[in-house]
Amino acid sequence: MKLLKRKNPIDAPYAPEGTTQRVDESRLPLDPTTKQPLAPTAQPGYYPGFETLSQQAFWDEATRKVVLDRVEHIPPVRFFTAGEAELVQAVCDRILPQDDRDEAHKIPIVPTIDERLYTGRIDGYRYEDMPTDRDAHRLGLQGIQAVAQHMYGKSFTELGPRDQDAVLQTIHDCNPPAGDHIWQKLPVRRYWMLLVQDAVEAYYAHPFAWDEIGFGGPAYPRGYMRLEGGKPEPWEVYEQRYEWEAPHTSLSDIYKPIGGPGGHKSQPSGQEGTH
């Protein structure tokens, strides 16, 4: 199957067809030996040459339709305002950077989150001290802006990547230095978990992310053959690891549990839990 390059209404800017997109090398992961940036590719990750969509003939029609729709149709942004969409895109670019991907293979995280909120799709439960997912996302964006203004006197979208990381680090650590009136209505740890869960679910539901992690796609109706020994299925490829370092503009190589040094190492995700 030939995949066409498709423009994402949020993941801007895109170079016009036939031109070369300028890459900000300061945002790229580094080769740990040469310290040179690793160029964006169509398929980052440890499974070069693997393409989940090459297996679509083995899926049933309904499954194939659902999976291909994720590649061929990017939902329009209808819940977030233009300003909110720009802000949440900047936030997602730091939570799940895609600088190692070429423009044709970037995964539309924000439109996917937006569609969930616009259509009102929920898990069917939420914490009693949390607002609705829609209100939580809008309040959270206001909180992020308040922290950015407090720390740097600028909007979050006007900051460089390392300063953006520093703003988000305060949310991750559950210690935002501003926006108290917001966090009184929105528990900061629960918001962080909701935000990250939505970003991660949108990313790893996409076939391009499956290529990155070597996931062979839906097992139904074919099923699996090799259940022991960690060997790949005949249609999969062996893992090929390589070393890399986070760019200097990022704090992503510094591990801290949610809530800071005294936080829990294991946390339930998102809105899981009932009242």
Foldseek 3Di string as FASTA:
>chain_A
DDADQDDDPQPDDDDPPPDDDDADQLQAWAAVPVRGGDQAEQAAAFFPPAFLVVCLVQADPVQSVVQVCQRPPQADQDLDDPVLSNLLVLVLCQLPNRSNHDNSRDFPLSSQLRVCVVVVPDPPAFDPLADRPSVLSVLVLVLLQFLCCVVPVDGLSPDFLLSNQVSVVCLQLQHRPDDPVSCNSHVSNLSVLQSSVSSVCRQVSHSSVCSNVFNNGDCPPVHADDDDDPDDGPSTGDTGDHDIGGRPSHPVVDDAHGNGVPDDNDDDGHRPDHD
